[in-house]
Amino acid sequence: MSQTQSTNIQDQKTLQSDGKKVSEWKRFLLMGFIVLPIFTLLLICAYGFAVWFGQMLFWGPPGP
């Protein structure tokens, strides 16, 4: 293998690792600012629905 081929292979590996880092950052930002807040909101809504449904059927509304 010649020196230029070796250099080209190393350059390709560097470009691939840089592209992988960018992809990881995009995935991290997508998870952190879109997926996790939506998941948290759905979890809170599900809890609220469960409490509301339980009050309708079993416990009744809170109060004196």
PDB file of N, CA and C in Angstrom:
ATOM      1  N   MET A   1       0.850  -1.163   0.000  1.00  0.00           N
ATOM      2  CA  MET A   1       0.000   0.000   0.000  1.00  0.00           C
ATOM      3  C   MET A   1       0.904   1.237   0.000  1.00  0.00           C
ATOM      4  N   SER A   2       0.574   2.178  -0.830  1.00  0.00           N
ATOM      5  CA  SER A   2       1.407   3.374  -0.912  1.00  0.00           C
ATOM      6  C   SER A   2       1.035   4.365   0.184  1.00  0.00           C
ATOM      7  N   GLN A   3       1.879   5.369   0.318  1.00  0.00           N
ATOM      8  CA  GLN A   3       1.673   6.384   1.359  1.00  0.00           C
ATOM      9  C   GLN A   3       0.382   7.170   1.110  1.00  0.00           C
ATOM     10  N   THR A   4       0.069   7.493  -0.150  1.00  0.00           N
ATOM     11  CA  THR A   4      -1.133   8.283  -0.446  1.00  0.00           C
ATOM     12  C   THR A   4      -2.397   7.481  -0.156  1.00  0.00           C
ATOM     13  N   GLN A   5      -2.367   6.181  -0.441  1.00  0.00           N
ATOM     14  CA  GLN A   5      -3.536   5.355  -0.137  1.00  0.00           C
ATOM     15  C   GLN A   5      -3.755   5.274   1.367  1.00  0.00           C
ATOM     16  N   SER A   6      -2.667   5.149   2.108  1.00  0.00           N
ATOM     17  CA  SER A   6      -2.766   5.089   3.559  1.00  0.00           C
ATOM     18  C   SER A   6      -3.334   6.399   4.110  1.00  0.00           C
ATOM     19  N   THR A   7      -2.884   7.516   3.576  1.00  0.00           N
ATOM     20  CA  THR A   7      -3.383   8.820   4.004  1.00  0.00           C
ATOM     21  C   THR A   7      -4.861   8.971   3.668  1.00  0.00           C
ATOM     22  N   ASN A   8      -5.264   8.515   2.480  1.00  0.00           N
ATOM     23  CA  ASN A   8      -6.666   8.602   2.081  1.00  0.00           C
ATOM     24  C   ASN A   8      -7.555   7.770   3.008  1.00  0.00           C
ATOM     25  N   ILE A   9      -7.100   6.596   3.388  1.00  0.00           N
ATOM     26  CA  ILE A   9      -7.879   5.744   4.291  1.00  0.00           C
ATOM     27  C   ILE A   9      -8.012   6.414   5.653  1.00  0.00           C
ATOM     28  N   GLN A  10      -6.939   7.002   6.154  1.00  0.00           N
ATOM     29  CA  GLN A  10      -7.002   7.690   7.449  1.00  0.00           C
ATOM     30  C   GLN A  10      -7.948   8.889   7.373  1.00  0.00           C
ATOM     31  N   ASP A  11      -7.906   9.625   6.255  1.00  0.00           N
ATOM     32  CA  ASP A  11      -8.810  10.768   6.087  1.00  0.00           C
ATOM     33  C   ASP A  11     -10.265  10.312   6.063  1.00  0.00           C
ATOM     34  N   GLN A  12     -10.544   9.196   5.403  1.00  0.00           N
ATOM     35  CA  GLN A  12     -11.911   8.680   5.353  1.00  0.00           C
ATOM     36  C   GLN A  12     -12.389   8.272   6.746  1.00  0.00           C
ATOM     37  N   LYS A  13     -11.520   7.643   7.531  1.00  0.00           N
ATOM     38  CA  LYS A  13     -11.889   7.246   8.891  1.00  0.00           C
ATOM     39  C   LYS A  13     -12.184   8.479   9.741  1.00  0.00           C
ATOM     40  N   THR A  14     -11.378   9.533   9.573  1.00  0.00           N
ATOM     41  CA  THR A  14     -11.597  10.769  10.328  1.00  0.00           C
ATOM     42  C   THR A  14     -12.929  11.393   9.945  1.00  0.00           C
ATOM     43  N   LEU A  15     -13.230  11.423   8.651  1.00  0.00           N
ATOM     44  CA  LEU A  15     -14.500  11.996   8.195  1.00  0.00           C
ATOM     45  C   LEU A  15     -15.677  11.182   8.725  1.00  0.00           C
ATOM     46  N   GLN A  16     -15.560   9.860   8.738  1.00  0.00           N
ATOM     47  CA  GLN A  16     -16.634   9.024   9.233  1.00  0.00           C
ATOM     48  C   GLN A  16     -16.844   9.242  10.729  1.00  0.00           C
ATOM     49  N   SER A  17     -15.775   9.368  11.487  1.00  0.00           N
ATOM     50  CA  SER A  17     -15.928   9.585  12.928  1.00  0.00           C
ATOM     51  C   SER A  17     -16.503  10.971  13.198  1.00  0.00           C
ATOM     52  N   ASP A  18     -16.137  11.982  12.399  1.00  0.00           N
ATOM     53  CA  ASP A  18     -16.720  13.317  12.557  1.00  0.00           C
ATOM     54  C   ASP A  18     -18.204  13.284  12.231  1.00  0.00           C
ATOM     55  N   GLY A  19     -18.575  12.566  11.195  1.00  0.00           N
ATOM     56  CA  GLY A  19     -19.988  12.435  10.839  1.00  0.00           C
ATOM     57  C   GLY A  19     -20.759  11.702  11.916  1.00  0.00           C
ATOM     58  N   LYS A  20     -20.122  10.729  12.527  1.00  0.00           N
ATOM     59  CA  LYS A  20     -20.763   9.973  13.607  1.00  0.00           C
ATOM     60  C   LYS A  20     -20.989  10.874  14.821  1.00  0.00           C
ATOM     61  N   LYS A  21     -20.017  11.755  15.106  1.00  0.00           N
ATOM     62  CA  LYS A  21     -20.162  12.677  16.232  1.00  0.00           C
ATOM     63  C   LYS A  21     -21.315  13.642  15.991  1.00  0.00           C
ATOM     64  N   VAL A  22     -21.430  14.139  14.779  1.00  0.00           N
ATOM     65  CA  VAL A  22     -22.533  15.047  14.446  1.00  0.00           C
ATOM     66  C   VAL A  22     -23.860  14.323  14.584  1.00  0.00           C
ATOM     67  N   SER A  23     -23.910  13.085  14.121  1.00  0.00           N
ATOM     68  CA  SER A  23     -25.125  12.295  14.227  1.00  0.00           C
ATOM     69  C   SER A  23     -25.499  12.056  15.689  1.00  0.00           C
ATOM     70  N   GLU A  24     -24.514  11.795  16.536  1.00  0.00           N
ATOM     71  CA  GLU A  24     -24.776  11.589  17.952  1.00  0.00           C
ATOM     72  C   GLU A  24     -25.303  12.861  18.597  1.00  0.00           C
ATOM     73  N   TRP A  25     -24.747  14.004  18.236  1.00  0.00           N
ATOM     74  CA  TRP A  25     -25.230  15.273  18.787  1.00  0.00           C
ATOM     75  C   TRP A  25     -26.655  15.551  18.349  1.00  0.00           C
ATOM     76  N   LYS A  26     -26.962  15.285  17.088  1.00  0.00           N
ATOM     77  CA  LYS A  26     -28.330  15.488  16.601  1.00  0.00           C
ATOM     78  C   LYS A  26     -29.302  14.585  17.353  1.00  0.00           C
ATOM     79  N   ARG A  27     -28.912  13.341  17.566  1.00  0.00           N
ATOM     80  CA  ARG A  27     -29.747  12.398  18.296  1.00  0.00           C
ATOM     81  C   ARG A  27     -29.934  12.851  19.746  1.00  0.00           C
ATOM     82  N   PHE A  28     -28.862  13.336  20.371  1.00  0.00           N
ATOM     83  CA  PHE A  28     -28.940  13.819  21.743  1.00  0.00           C
ATOM     84  C   PHE A  28     -29.883  15.019  21.844  1.00  0.00           C
ATOM     85  N   LEU A  29     -29.757  15.968  20.922  1.00  0.00           N
ATOM     86  CA  LEU A  29     -30.623  17.146  20.957  1.00  0.00           C
ATOM     87  C   LEU A  29     -32.069  16.779  20.688  1.00  0.00           C
ATOM     88  N   LEU A  30     -32.299  15.855  19.763  1.00  0.00           N
ATOM     89  CA  LEU A  30     -33.656  15.393  19.484  1.00  0.00           C
ATOM     90  C   LEU A  30     -34.263  14.751  20.730  1.00  0.00           C
ATOM     91  N   MET A  31     -33.503  13.894  21.388  1.00  0.00           N
ATOM     92  CA  MET A  31     -34.011  13.239  22.596  1.00  0.00           C
ATOM     93  C   MET A  31     -34.233  14.249  23.720  1.00  0.00           C
ATOM     94  N   GLY A  32     -33.287  15.144  23.919  1.00  0.00           N
ATOM     95  CA  GLY A  32     -33.342  16.058  25.046  1.00  0.00           C
ATOM     96  C   GLY A  32     -34.403  17.131  24.939  1.00  0.00           C
ATOM     97  N   PHE A  33     -34.672  17.606  23.733  1.00  0.00           N
ATOM     98  CA  PHE A  33     -35.558  18.751  23.584  1.00  0.00           C
ATOM     99  C   PHE A  33     -36.881  18.440  22.900  1.00  0.00           C
ATOM    100  N   ILE A  34     -37.045  17.238  22.364  1.00  0.00           N
ATOM    101  CA  ILE A  34     -38.315  16.908  21.707  1.00  0.00           C
ATOM    102  C   ILE A  34     -38.937  15.653  22.308  1.00  0.00           C
ATOM    103  N   VAL A  35     -38.222  14.549  22.297  1.00  0.00           N
ATOM    104  CA  VAL A  35     -38.800  13.268  22.699  1.00  0.00           C
ATOM    105  C   VAL A  35     -39.062  13.212  24.207  1.00  0.00           C
ATOM    106  N   LEU A  36     -38.086  13.556  25.024  1.00  0.00           N
ATOM    107  CA  LEU A  36     -38.263  13.454  26.475  1.00  0.00           C
ATOM    108  C   LEU A  36     -39.327  14.414  27.019  1.00  0.00           C
ATOM    109  N   PRO A  37     -39.394  15.673  26.574  1.00  0.00           N
ATOM    110  CA  PRO A  37     -40.493  16.523  27.059  1.00  0.00           C
ATOM    111  C   PRO A  37     -41.873  16.002  26.655  1.00  0.00           C
ATOM    112  N   ILE A  38     -42.003  15.481  25.444  1.00  0.00           N
ATOM    113  CA  ILE A  38     -43.287  14.929  25.017  1.00  0.00           C
ATOM    114  C   ILE A  38     -43.631  13.699  25.858  1.00  0.00           C
ATOM    115  N   PHE A  39     -42.652  12.839  26.094  1.00  0.00           N
ATOM    116  CA  PHE A  39     -42.871  11.650  26.915  1.00  0.00           C
ATOM    117  C   PHE A  39     -43.268  12.036  28.337  1.00  0.00           C
ATOM    118  N   THR A  40     -42.607  13.049  28.892  1.00  0.00           N
ATOM    119  CA  THR A  40     -42.934  13.509  30.241  1.00  0.00           C
ATOM    120  C   THR A  40     -44.350  14.061  30.291  1.00  0.00           C
ATOM    121  N   LEU A  41     -44.724  14.841  29.305  1.00  0.00           N
ATOM    122  CA  LEU A  41     -46.078  15.391  29.246  1.00  0.00           C
ATOM    123  C   LEU A  41     -47.122  14.276  29.162  1.00  0.00           C
ATOM    124  N   LEU A  42     -46.866  13.276  28.346  1.00  0.00           N
ATOM    125  CA  LEU A  42     -47.803  12.151  28.232  1.00  0.00           C
ATOM    126  C   LEU A  42     -47.909  11.381  29.549  1.00  0.00           C
ATOM    127  N   LEU A  43     -46.796  11.232  30.246  1.00  0.00           N
ATOM    128  CA  LEU A  43     -46.803  10.540  31.531  1.00  0.00           C
ATOM    129  C   LEU A  43     -47.634  11.307  32.562  1.00  0.00           C
ATOM    130  N   ILE A  44     -47.472  12.625  32.595  1.00  0.00           N
ATOM    131  CA  ILE A  44     -48.250  13.452  33.526  1.00  0.00           C
ATOM    132  C   ILE A  44     -49.730  13.405  33.177  1.00  0.00           C
ATOM    133  N   CYS A  45     -50.042  13.461  31.886  1.00  0.00           N
ATOM    134  CA  CYS A  45     -51.445  13.372  31.453  1.00  0.00           C
ATOM    135  C   CYS A  45     -52.052  12.021  31.821  1.00  0.00           C
ATOM    136  N   ALA A  46     -51.298  10.959  31.654  1.00  0.00           N
ATOM    137  CA  ALA A  46     -51.805   9.629  32.004  1.00  0.00           C
ATOM    138  C   ALA A  46     -52.068   9.530  33.507  1.00  0.00           C
ATOM    139  N   TYR A  47     -51.203  10.100  34.314  1.00  0.00           N
ATOM    140  CA  TYR A  47     -51.415  10.093  35.763  1.00  0.00           C
ATOM    141  C   TYR A  47     -52.676  10.892  36.117  1.00  0.00           C
ATOM    142  N   GLY A  48     -52.838  12.069  35.512  1.00  0.00           N
ATOM    143  CA  GLY A  48     -54.025  12.878  35.763  1.00  0.00           C
ATOM    144  C   GLY A  48     -55.296  12.160  35.352  1.00  0.00           C
ATOM    145  N   PHE A  49     -55.256  11.481  34.229  1.00  0.00           N
ATOM    146  CA  PHE A  49     -56.414  10.727  33.775  1.00  0.00           C
ATOM    147  C   PHE A  49     -56.739   9.589  34.742  1.00  0.00           C
ATOM    148  N   ALA A  50     -55.711   8.909  35.230  1.00  0.00           N
ATOM    149  CA  ALA A  50     -55.927   7.800  36.165  1.00  0.00           C
ATOM    150  C   ALA A  50     -56.562   8.305  37.461  1.00  0.00           C
ATOM    151  N   VAL A  51     -56.099   9.437  37.952  1.00  0.00           N
ATOM    152  CA  VAL A  51     -56.677  10.002  39.178  1.00  0.00           C
ATOM    153  C   VAL A  51     -58.125  10.410  38.926  1.00  0.00           C
ATOM    154  N   TRP A  52     -58.375  11.087  37.825  1.00  0.00           N
ATOM    155  CA  TRP A  52     -59.732  11.520  37.485  1.00  0.00           C
ATOM    156  C   TRP A  52     -60.676  10.324  37.342  1.00  0.00           C
ATOM    157  N   PHE A  53     -60.240   9.303  36.641  1.00  0.00           N
ATOM    158  CA  PHE A  53     -61.051   8.118  36.423  1.00  0.00           C
ATOM    159  C   PHE A  53     -61.309   7.400  37.750  1.00  0.00           C
ATOM    160  N   GLY A  54     -60.288   7.322  38.595  1.00  0.00           N
ATOM    161  CA  GLY A  54     -60.448   6.698  39.906  1.00  0.00           C
ATOM    162  C   GLY A  54     -61.425   7.466  40.781  1.00  0.00           C
ATOM    163  N   GLN A  55     -61.405   8.776  40.712  1.00  0.00           N
ATOM    164  CA  GLN A  55     -62.345   9.578  41.486  1.00  0.00           C
ATOM    165  C   GLN A  55     -63.773   9.394  40.977  1.00  0.00           C
ATOM    166  N   MET A  56     -63.928   9.238  39.673  1.00  0.00           N
ATOM    167  CA  MET A  56     -65.268   9.024  39.117  1.00  0.00           C
ATOM    168  C   MET A  56     -65.845   7.688  39.577  1.00  0.00           C
ATOM    169  N   LEU A  57     -65.039   6.645  39.613  1.00  0.00           N
ATOM    170  CA  LEU A  57     -65.545   5.299  39.863  1.00  0.00           C
ATOM    171  C   LEU A  57     -65.458   4.877  41.325  1.00  0.00           C
ATOM    172  N   PHE A  58     -64.394   5.236  42.025  1.00  0.00           N
ATOM    173  CA  PHE A  58     -64.141   4.630  43.321  1.00  0.00           C
ATOM    174  C   PHE A  58     -64.141   5.611  44.491  1.00  0.00           C
ATOM    175  N   TRP A  59     -63.362   6.657  44.414  1.00  0.00           N
ATOM    176  CA  TRP A  59     -63.088   7.453  45.596  1.00  0.00           C
ATOM    177  C   TRP A  59     -63.955   8.705  45.723  1.00  0.00           C
ATOM    178  N   GLY A  60     -64.439   9.229  44.666  1.00  0.00           N
ATOM    179  CA  GLY A  60     -65.193  10.481  44.726  1.00  0.00           C
ATOM    180  C   GLY A  60     -64.261  11.672  44.798  1.00  0.00           C
ATOM    181  N   PRO A  61     -64.792  12.862  44.604  1.00  0.00           N
ATOM    182  CA  PRO A  61     -63.935  14.049  44.625  1.00  0.00           C
ATOM    183  C   PRO A  61     -63.469  14.358  46.043  1.00  0.00           C
ATOM    184  N   PRO A  62     -62.319  14.992  46.156  1.00  0.00           N
ATOM    185  CA  PRO A  62     -61.844  15.347  47.489  1.00  0.00           C
ATOM    186  C   PRO A  62     -62.674  16.488  48.053  1.00  0.00           C
ATOM    187  N   GLY A  63     -62.748  16.573  49.347  1.00  0.00           N
ATOM    188  CA  GLY A  63     -63.482  17.648  49.989  1.00  0.00           C
ATOM    189  C   GLY A  63     -64.123  17.194  51.276  1.00  0.00           C
ATOM    190  N   PRO A  64     -64.773  18.133  51.997  1.00  0.00           N
ATOM    191  CA  PRO A  64     -65.372  17.784  53.294  1.00  0.00           C
ATOM    192  C   PRO A  64     -66.637  16.962  53.179  1.00  0.00           C
TER     193      PRO A  64
END
